[in-house]
Amino acid sequence: MDELLFPEPLREGVILARPNRFIMDVDFGGGEVVRCHCPVVSRIGGLDLAGRPCLVSDSHNPKRKLPLTVEAFSLDRPEDAAKRWIGINQNASNRYVEHFLRIGAFNKLLGPVAEVRREVVLGDSKLDFLVNDEVYLEVKTPMVQIQTDIPAYVPRLPEAPFSSTERAMRHLRELASSLQDHERAVILYCLYYENFGFQFYHGTTYDEVRSTVRACEKAGVELVQANFSIDQHGVALREFFPLEDW
């Protein structure tokens, strides 16, 4: 198992509220309540996270308005000794993937990695990575749905419409149309928790998305799921495999 260690262990607290999409109020006990940065701009699994345990990092940057960031939460109870964590830092996902690329953890998918370039322009899109000058790699970290068993004691938020798929579909079409004979394109869906397999959100644009995905797969775009785990000490890459069923 390959692991990326954090600079220091994450601190455990309990989420009190998410006043808006950018912040969470976290109780660290002993009367210490701190407003923290939330690194997810969308809903998180359609769940009300008040009362959920969380893991928090400290940037140690006094210039940041909110120096602390909520990195993960748990569906377990605060009093449970052994918790399973769900990573939510979409902003850090590219950094995690780059680490595992550079140490060779994805070699079975990509071959030996000699060069990794970030933020490569392709058509009208800027893609996350170009590996060995021949493999375009786009990282997705879906959070609108948490695709694992949700305990009955975790409240759900009222359903909200979701159809914001154009950016993802544009990346797919750009990849498919721009591939040369010697190139590959991979969309890497990164899930930072134990899950039962990624399925695309069945929203109002599902039929359009499914059609686009099938066409891009025929053009050579590869869809891959990568499963990670996260705890107080770091992030570990557990497995990766082709996505075959949408």
C-alpha atoms as a PDB file:
ATOM      1  CA  MET A   1       0.000   0.000   0.000  1.00  0.00           C
ATOM      2  CA  ASP A   2       1.364   3.428  -0.993  1.00  0.00           C
ATOM      3  CA  GLU A   3       0.835   6.307   1.430  1.00  0.00           C
ATOM      4  CA  LEU A   4       1.273  10.076   1.524  1.00  0.00           C
ATOM      5  CA  LEU A   5       1.890  11.295   5.062  1.00  0.00           C
ATOM      6  CA  PHE A   6       0.603  14.663   6.262  1.00  0.00           C
ATOM      7  CA  PRO A   7       3.147  17.146   7.684  1.00  0.00           C
ATOM      8  CA  GLU A   8       1.496  16.624  11.073  1.00  0.00           C
ATOM      9  CA  PRO A   9      -1.413  14.483  12.315  1.00  0.00           C
ATOM     10  CA  LEU A  10      -4.864  15.900  11.660  1.00  0.00           C
ATOM     11  CA  ARG A  11      -6.889  17.065  14.625  1.00  0.00           C
ATOM     12  CA  GLU A  12     -10.244  15.455  15.407  1.00  0.00           C
ATOM     13  CA  GLY A  13     -13.356  17.499  16.143  1.00  0.00           C
ATOM     14  CA  VAL A  14     -17.120  17.478  15.629  1.00  0.00           C
ATOM     15  CA  ILE A  15     -18.928  19.508  12.962  1.00  0.00           C
ATOM     16  CA  LEU A  16     -21.522  21.795  14.523  1.00  0.00           C
ATOM     17  CA  ALA A  17     -22.823  23.486  11.373  1.00  0.00           C
ATOM     18  CA  ARG A  18     -22.068  24.429   7.794  1.00  0.00           C
ATOM     19  CA  PRO A  19     -23.303  28.047   7.668  1.00  0.00           C
ATOM     20  CA  ASN A  20     -22.438  28.294   3.978  1.00  0.00           C
ATOM     21  CA  ARG A  21     -20.625  26.180   1.413  1.00  0.00           C
ATOM     22  CA  PHE A  22     -17.208  27.624   2.261  1.00  0.00           C
ATOM     23  CA  ILE A  23     -17.148  27.202   6.047  1.00  0.00           C
ATOM     24  CA  MET A  24     -17.803  24.694   8.825  1.00  0.00           C
ATOM     25  CA  ASP A  25     -17.963  25.374  12.546  1.00  0.00           C
ATOM     26  CA  VAL A  26     -16.045  22.668  14.425  1.00  0.00           C
ATOM     27  CA  ASP A  27     -16.101  21.819  18.134  1.00  0.00           C
ATOM     28  CA  PHE A  28     -12.747  20.563  19.419  1.00  0.00           C
ATOM     29  CA  GLY A  29     -14.003  20.079  22.963  1.00  0.00           C
ATOM     30  CA  GLY A  30     -13.384  22.060  26.115  1.00  0.00           C
ATOM     31  CA  GLY A  31     -15.412  24.958  24.757  1.00  0.00           C
ATOM     32  CA  GLU A  32     -13.114  25.449  21.753  1.00  0.00           C
ATOM     33  CA  VAL A  33     -15.240  26.102  18.656  1.00  0.00           C
ATOM     34  CA  VAL A  34     -13.403  27.208  15.507  1.00  0.00           C
ATOM     35  CA  ARG A  35     -14.676  28.327  12.126  1.00  0.00           C
ATOM     36  CA  CYS A  36     -12.869  26.242   9.477  1.00  0.00           C
ATOM     37  CA  HIS A  37     -12.572  26.258   5.707  1.00  0.00           C
ATOM     38  CA  CYS A  38     -14.776  23.739   3.864  1.00  0.00           C
ATOM     39  CA  PRO A  39     -13.003  22.576   0.660  1.00  0.00           C
ATOM     40  CA  VAL A  40     -16.196  21.413  -1.099  1.00  0.00           C
ATOM     41  CA  VAL A  41     -18.388  23.966  -2.865  1.00  0.00           C
ATOM     42  CA  SER A  42     -21.224  21.513  -3.602  1.00  0.00           C
ATOM     43  CA  ARG A  43     -23.395  19.493  -1.290  1.00  0.00           C
ATOM     44  CA  ILE A  44     -21.635  16.601   0.418  1.00  0.00           C
ATOM     45  CA  GLY A  45     -23.676  13.499  -0.238  1.00  0.00           C
ATOM     46  CA  GLY A  46     -26.918  15.350   0.390  1.00  0.00           C
ATOM     47  CA  LEU A  47     -26.194  14.921   4.100  1.00  0.00           C
ATOM     48  CA  ASP A  48     -26.635  17.150   7.136  1.00  0.00           C
ATOM     49  CA  LEU A  49     -23.154  16.870   8.658  1.00  0.00           C
ATOM     50  CA  ALA A  50     -23.961  18.515  11.992  1.00  0.00           C
ATOM     51  CA  GLY A  51     -22.796  16.145  14.721  1.00  0.00           C
ATOM     52  CA  ARG A  52     -20.412  14.233  12.481  1.00  0.00           C
ATOM     53  CA  PRO A  53     -16.798  13.705  13.564  1.00  0.00           C
ATOM     54  CA  CYS A  54     -14.209  15.373  11.340  1.00  0.00           C
ATOM     55  CA  LEU A  55     -10.470  15.662  10.779  1.00  0.00           C
ATOM     56  CA  VAL A  56      -8.927  19.124  10.463  1.00  0.00           C
ATOM     57  CA  SER A  57      -5.579  20.345   9.132  1.00  0.00           C
ATOM     58  CA  ASP A  58      -3.781  23.519  10.161  1.00  0.00           C
ATOM     59  CA  SER A  59      -2.093  25.579   7.423  1.00  0.00           C
ATOM     60  CA  HIS A  60      -0.145  27.556  10.064  1.00  0.00           C
ATOM     61  CA  ASN A  61      -0.651  30.506   7.733  1.00  0.00           C
ATOM     62  CA  PRO A  62      -1.645  33.635   9.700  1.00  0.00           C
ATOM     63  CA  LYS A  63      -2.534  35.409   6.460  1.00  0.00           C
ATOM     64  CA  ARG A  64      -5.393  33.006   5.773  1.00  0.00           C
ATOM     65  CA  LYS A  65      -8.776  34.139   7.041  1.00  0.00           C
ATOM     66  CA  LEU A  66      -9.540  30.525   8.010  1.00  0.00           C
ATOM     67  CA  PRO A  67      -6.224  28.743   8.687  1.00  0.00           C
ATOM     68  CA  LEU A  68      -7.923  25.418   9.490  1.00  0.00           C
ATOM     69  CA  THR A  69      -9.427  23.117   6.811  1.00  0.00           C
ATOM     70  CA  VAL A  70     -11.830  20.214   7.287  1.00  0.00           C
ATOM     71  CA  GLU A  71     -10.156  17.335   5.443  1.00  0.00           C
ATOM     72  CA  ALA A  72     -12.543  14.476   6.203  1.00  0.00           C
ATOM     73  CA  PHE A  73     -15.663  13.473   8.122  1.00  0.00           C
ATOM     74  CA  SER A  74     -17.005  10.206   9.468  1.00  0.00           C
ATOM     75  CA  LEU A  75     -20.418   8.575   9.381  1.00  0.00           C
ATOM     76  CA  ASP A  76     -19.587   6.955  12.713  1.00  0.00           C
ATOM     77  CA  ARG A  77     -20.571   8.498  16.035  1.00  0.00           C
ATOM     78  CA  PRO A  78     -18.182  10.863  17.870  1.00  0.00           C
ATOM     79  CA  GLU A  79     -17.819   8.389  20.720  1.00  0.00           C
ATOM     80  CA  ASP A  80     -16.842   5.477  18.457  1.00  0.00           C
ATOM     81  CA  ALA A  81     -13.221   4.508  19.013  1.00  0.00           C
ATOM     82  CA  ALA A  82     -12.459   3.317  15.464  1.00  0.00           C
ATOM     83  CA  LYS A  83     -13.832   5.618  12.793  1.00  0.00           C
ATOM     84  CA  ARG A  84     -13.953   5.272   9.016  1.00  0.00           C
ATOM     85  CA  TRP A  85     -13.131   8.581   7.375  1.00  0.00           C
ATOM     86  CA  ILE A  86     -14.410  10.126   4.134  1.00  0.00           C
ATOM     87  CA  GLY A  87     -11.985  12.585   2.541  1.00  0.00           C
ATOM     88  CA  ILE A  88     -13.545  15.765   1.152  1.00  0.00           C
ATOM     89  CA  ASN A  89     -10.641  18.015   0.129  1.00  0.00           C
ATOM     90  CA  GLN A  90     -11.236  18.342  -3.608  1.00  0.00           C
ATOM     91  CA  ASN A  91      -8.592  21.078  -3.717  1.00  0.00           C
ATOM     92  CA  ALA A  92      -5.923  18.612  -2.541  1.00  0.00           C
ATOM     93  CA  SER A  93      -6.887  15.755  -4.858  1.00  0.00           C
ATOM     94  CA  ASN A  94      -4.484  16.764  -7.633  1.00  0.00           C
ATOM     95  CA  ARG A  95      -1.653  17.029  -5.113  1.00  0.00           C
ATOM     96  CA  TYR A  96      -2.390  13.533  -3.831  1.00  0.00           C
ATOM     97  CA  VAL A  97      -2.582  12.081  -7.346  1.00  0.00           C
ATOM     98  CA  GLU A  98       0.669  13.787  -8.375  1.00  0.00           C
ATOM     99  CA  HIS A  99       2.444  12.236  -5.400  1.00  0.00           C
ATOM    100  CA  PHE A 100       1.265   8.744  -6.312  1.00  0.00           C
ATOM    101  CA  LEU A 101       2.128   9.300  -9.963  1.00  0.00           C
ATOM    102  CA  ARG A 102       5.679  10.314  -9.107  1.00  0.00           C
ATOM    103  CA  ILE A 103       6.324   7.362  -6.781  1.00  0.00           C
ATOM    104  CA  GLY A 104       5.110   4.904  -9.422  1.00  0.00           C
ATOM    105  CA  ALA A 105       1.871   3.832  -7.751  1.00  0.00           C
ATOM    106  CA  PHE A 106      -0.028   4.139 -11.054  1.00  0.00           C
ATOM    107  CA  ASN A 107       2.588   2.384 -13.204  1.00  0.00           C
ATOM    108  CA  LYS A 108       0.312  -0.595 -13.836  1.00  0.00           C
ATOM    109  CA  LEU A 109      -2.130   1.826 -15.450  1.00  0.00           C
ATOM    110  CA  LEU A 110       0.242   4.242 -17.167  1.00  0.00           C
ATOM    111  CA  GLY A 111       3.559   2.447 -17.465  1.00  0.00           C
ATOM    112  CA  PRO A 112       6.759   3.805 -15.864  1.00  0.00           C
ATOM    113  CA  VAL A 113       6.271   7.520 -15.136  1.00  0.00           C
ATOM    114  CA  ALA A 114       9.248   9.646 -16.151  1.00  0.00           C
ATOM    115  CA  GLU A 115       7.603  13.068 -16.557  1.00  0.00           C
ATOM    116  CA  VAL A 116       4.524  14.727 -15.036  1.00  0.00           C
ATOM    117  CA  ARG A 117       3.260  18.115 -16.218  1.00  0.00           C
ATOM    118  CA  ARG A 118       0.460  20.023 -14.485  1.00  0.00           C
ATOM    119  CA  GLU A 119      -2.399  22.079 -16.009  1.00  0.00           C
ATOM    120  CA  VAL A 120      -1.923  21.273 -19.677  1.00  0.00           C
ATOM    121  CA  VAL A 121      -4.053  23.107 -22.253  1.00  0.00           C
ATOM    122  CA  LEU A 122      -5.975  20.883 -24.652  1.00  0.00           C
ATOM    123  CA  GLY A 123      -8.421  22.614 -26.978  1.00  0.00           C
ATOM    124  CA  ASP A 124     -10.560  24.948 -24.884  1.00  0.00           C
ATOM    125  CA  SER A 125      -9.865  23.034 -21.664  1.00  0.00           C
ATOM    126  CA  LYS A 126      -7.043  22.962 -19.153  1.00  0.00           C
ATOM    127  CA  LEU A 127      -6.455  19.379 -18.057  1.00  0.00           C
ATOM    128  CA  ASP A 128      -4.845  18.331 -14.812  1.00  0.00           C
ATOM    129  CA  PHE A 129      -1.851  16.282 -16.002  1.00  0.00           C
ATOM    130  CA  LEU A 130       0.145  15.196 -19.008  1.00  0.00           C
ATOM    131  CA  VAL A 131       2.195  12.095 -18.176  1.00  0.00           C
ATOM    132  CA  ASN A 132       5.241  11.121 -20.249  1.00  0.00           C
ATOM    133  CA  ASP A 133       4.088  13.565 -22.926  1.00  0.00           C
ATOM    134  CA  GLU A 134       1.471  11.061 -24.119  1.00  0.00           C
ATOM    135  CA  VAL A 135      -1.151  10.370 -21.439  1.00  0.00           C
ATOM    136  CA  TYR A 136      -3.665  13.113 -20.612  1.00  0.00           C
ATOM    137  CA  LEU A 137      -5.010  12.601 -17.086  1.00  0.00           C
ATOM    138  CA  GLU A 138      -8.012  14.466 -15.688  1.00  0.00           C
ATOM    139  CA  VAL A 139      -8.848  14.089 -11.980  1.00  0.00           C
ATOM    140  CA  LYS A 140     -12.432  14.122 -10.700  1.00  0.00           C
ATOM    141  CA  THR A 141     -13.429  13.979  -7.035  1.00  0.00           C
ATOM    142  CA  PRO A 142     -17.215  13.549  -6.933  1.00  0.00           C
ATOM    143  CA  MET A 143     -18.849  14.650  -3.681  1.00  0.00           C
ATOM    144  CA  VAL A 144     -22.487  15.356  -4.597  1.00  0.00           C
ATOM    145  CA  GLN A 145     -23.217  11.741  -3.717  1.00  0.00           C
ATOM    146  CA  ILE A 146     -21.425   9.715  -1.050  1.00  0.00           C
ATOM    147  CA  GLN A 147     -21.778   6.231  -2.455  1.00  0.00           C
ATOM    148  CA  THR A 148     -21.574   4.068   0.634  1.00  0.00           C
ATOM    149  CA  ASP A 149     -23.982   2.876   3.296  1.00  0.00           C
ATOM    150  CA  ILE A 150     -25.453   5.834   5.200  1.00  0.00           C
ATOM    151  CA  PRO A 151     -26.507   5.049   8.800  1.00  0.00           C
ATOM    152  CA  ALA A 152     -30.120   5.830   9.690  1.00  0.00           C
ATOM    153  CA  TYR A 153     -29.031   8.308  12.376  1.00  0.00           C
ATOM    154  CA  VAL A 154     -27.361  10.614   9.783  1.00  0.00           C
ATOM    155  CA  PRO A 155     -29.948  13.179   8.582  1.00  0.00           C
ATOM    156  CA  ARG A 156     -30.374  13.849   4.886  1.00  0.00           C
ATOM    157  CA  LEU A 157     -30.975  17.252   3.345  1.00  0.00           C
ATOM    158  CA  PRO A 158     -33.968  17.875   1.080  1.00  0.00           C
ATOM    159  CA  GLU A 159     -33.293  16.801  -2.491  1.00  0.00           C
ATOM    160  CA  ALA A 160     -31.988  19.555  -4.743  1.00  0.00           C
ATOM    161  CA  PRO A 161     -31.775  19.558  -8.544  1.00  0.00           C
ATOM    162  CA  PHE A 162     -28.324  18.888  -9.932  1.00  0.00           C
ATOM    163  CA  SER A 163     -27.421  19.109 -13.599  1.00  0.00           C
ATOM    164  CA  SER A 164     -24.038  20.842 -13.614  1.00  0.00           C
ATOM    165  CA  THR A 165     -22.257  18.467 -15.965  1.00  0.00           C
ATOM    166  CA  GLU A 166     -21.166  20.665 -18.840  1.00  0.00           C
ATOM    167  CA  ARG A 167     -17.585  21.189 -17.630  1.00  0.00           C
ATOM    168  CA  ALA A 168     -17.018  17.476 -17.150  1.00  0.00           C
ATOM    169  CA  MET A 169     -18.586  16.646 -20.509  1.00  0.00           C
ATOM    170  CA  ARG A 170     -16.516  19.323 -22.251  1.00  0.00           C
ATOM    171  CA  HIS A 171     -13.355  17.737 -20.881  1.00  0.00           C
ATOM    172  CA  LEU A 172     -14.475  14.345 -22.142  1.00  0.00           C
ATOM    173  CA  ARG A 173     -15.232  15.666 -25.629  1.00  0.00           C
ATOM    174  CA  GLU A 174     -11.944  17.595 -25.779  1.00  0.00           C
ATOM    175  CA  LEU A 175     -10.029  14.486 -24.830  1.00  0.00           C
ATOM    176  CA  ALA A 176     -11.819  12.305 -27.355  1.00  0.00           C
ATOM    177  CA  SER A 177     -11.443  14.726 -30.241  1.00  0.00           C
ATOM    178  CA  SER A 178      -7.807  15.608 -29.565  1.00  0.00           C
ATOM    179  CA  LEU A 179      -6.274  12.174 -29.134  1.00  0.00           C
ATOM    180  CA  GLN A 180      -3.501  11.304 -31.544  1.00  0.00           C
ATOM    181  CA  ASP A 181      -2.504   7.752 -32.468  1.00  0.00           C
ATOM    182  CA  HIS A 182       0.276   7.641 -29.874  1.00  0.00           C
ATOM    183  CA  GLU A 183      -1.684   9.289 -27.050  1.00  0.00           C
ATOM    184  CA  ARG A 184      -3.951   8.069 -24.277  1.00  0.00           C
ATOM    185  CA  ALA A 185      -6.544   9.871 -22.179  1.00  0.00           C
ATOM    186  CA  VAL A 186      -7.667   8.846 -18.701  1.00  0.00           C
ATOM    187  CA  ILE A 187     -10.396  10.286 -16.472  1.00  0.00           C
ATOM    188  CA  LEU A 188      -9.510   9.309 -12.904  1.00  0.00           C
ATOM    189  CA  TYR A 189     -12.439   9.314 -10.461  1.00  0.00           C
ATOM    190  CA  CYS A 190     -10.919   9.596  -6.979  1.00  0.00           C
ATOM    191  CA  LEU A 191     -12.920   8.414  -3.963  1.00  0.00           C
ATOM    192  CA  TYR A 192     -11.436   8.946  -0.506  1.00  0.00           C
ATOM    193  CA  TYR A 193     -13.474   6.386   1.392  1.00  0.00           C
ATOM    194  CA  GLU A 194     -14.594   2.771   1.333  1.00  0.00           C
ATOM    195  CA  ASN A 195     -17.266   2.572  -1.335  1.00  0.00           C
ATOM    196  CA  PHE A 196     -19.194   0.073  -3.397  1.00  0.00           C
ATOM    197  CA  GLY A 197     -18.339   1.471  -6.837  1.00  0.00           C
ATOM    198  CA  PHE A 198     -18.791   4.847  -8.484  1.00  0.00           C
ATOM    199  CA  GLN A 199     -22.019   5.464 -10.379  1.00  0.00           C
ATOM    200  CA  PHE A 200     -22.692   8.740 -12.166  1.00  0.00           C
ATOM    201  CA  TYR A 201     -25.401  10.896 -10.560  1.00  0.00           C
ATOM    202  CA  HIS A 202     -28.775  10.106 -12.167  1.00  0.00           C
ATOM    203  CA  GLY A 203     -29.840  13.721 -12.593  1.00  0.00           C
ATOM    204  CA  THR A 204     -31.669  15.589 -15.317  1.00  0.00           C
ATOM    205  CA  THR A 205     -28.789  15.256 -17.788  1.00  0.00           C
ATOM    206  CA  TYR A 206     -28.045  11.573 -17.176  1.00  0.00           C
ATOM    207  CA  ASP A 207     -29.083  10.344 -20.643  1.00  0.00           C
ATOM    208  CA  GLU A 208     -26.978  13.039 -22.321  1.00  0.00           C
ATOM    209  CA  VAL A 209     -24.015  12.249 -20.098  1.00  0.00           C
ATOM    210  CA  ARG A 210     -24.282   8.510 -20.702  1.00  0.00           C
ATOM    211  CA  SER A 211     -24.384   9.067 -24.463  1.00  0.00           C
ATOM    212  CA  THR A 212     -21.343  11.357 -24.320  1.00  0.00           C
ATOM    213  CA  VAL A 213     -19.415   8.910 -22.144  1.00  0.00           C
ATOM    214  CA  ARG A 214     -20.097   5.981 -24.460  1.00  0.00           C
ATOM    215  CA  ALA A 215     -19.007   7.978 -27.514  1.00  0.00           C
ATOM    216  CA  CYS A 216     -15.809   9.108 -25.795  1.00  0.00           C
ATOM    217  CA  GLU A 217     -14.998   5.584 -24.652  1.00  0.00           C
ATOM    218  CA  LYS A 218     -15.258   4.432 -28.250  1.00  0.00           C
ATOM    219  CA  ALA A 219     -12.821   7.206 -29.186  1.00  0.00           C
ATOM    220  CA  GLY A 220     -10.334   5.853 -26.634  1.00  0.00           C
ATOM    221  CA  VAL A 221     -10.970   7.804 -23.417  1.00  0.00           C
ATOM    222  CA  GLU A 222     -10.423   5.518 -20.408  1.00  0.00           C
ATOM    223  CA  LEU A 223     -12.525   5.854 -17.244  1.00  0.00           C
ATOM    224  CA  VAL A 224     -10.760   4.649 -14.098  1.00  0.00           C
ATOM    225  CA  GLN A 225     -11.818   4.596 -10.454  1.00  0.00           C
ATOM    226  CA  ALA A 226      -9.148   5.069  -7.773  1.00  0.00           C
ATOM    227  CA  ASN A 227      -9.996   4.219  -4.162  1.00  0.00           C
ATOM    228  CA  PHE A 228      -8.068   5.913  -1.366  1.00  0.00           C
ATOM    229  CA  SER A 229      -8.286   5.881   2.405  1.00  0.00           C
ATOM    230  CA  ILE A 230      -7.597   8.784   4.742  1.00  0.00           C
ATOM    231  CA  ASP A 231      -6.911   9.017   8.450  1.00  0.00           C
ATOM    232  CA  GLN A 232      -5.166  11.356  10.889  1.00  0.00           C
ATOM    233  CA  HIS A 233      -1.760  10.493   9.476  1.00  0.00           C
ATOM    234  CA  GLY A 234      -2.136  10.485   5.702  1.00  0.00           C
ATOM    235  CA  VAL A 235      -3.748   9.321   2.479  1.00  0.00           C
ATOM    236  CA  ALA A 236      -3.239   5.823   1.079  1.00  0.00           C
ATOM    237  CA  LEU A 237      -3.940   4.526  -2.421  1.00  0.00           C
ATOM    238  CA  ARG A 238      -5.856   1.263  -2.046  1.00  0.00           C
ATOM    239  CA  GLU A 239      -6.707   0.198  -5.587  1.00  0.00           C
ATOM    240  CA  PHE A 240      -7.683   1.391  -9.057  1.00  0.00           C
ATOM    241  CA  PHE A 241      -9.655  -0.309 -11.803  1.00  0.00           C
ATOM    242  CA  PRO A 242     -11.566   0.506 -15.024  1.00  0.00           C
ATOM    243  CA  LEU A 243     -15.072   1.887 -14.710  1.00  0.00           C
ATOM    244  CA  GLU A 244     -17.284  -0.307 -16.837  1.00  0.00           C
ATOM    245  CA  ASP A 245     -20.850   0.333 -15.649  1.00  0.00           C
ATOM    246  CA  TRP A 246     -22.437   3.760 -15.584  1.00  0.00           C
END
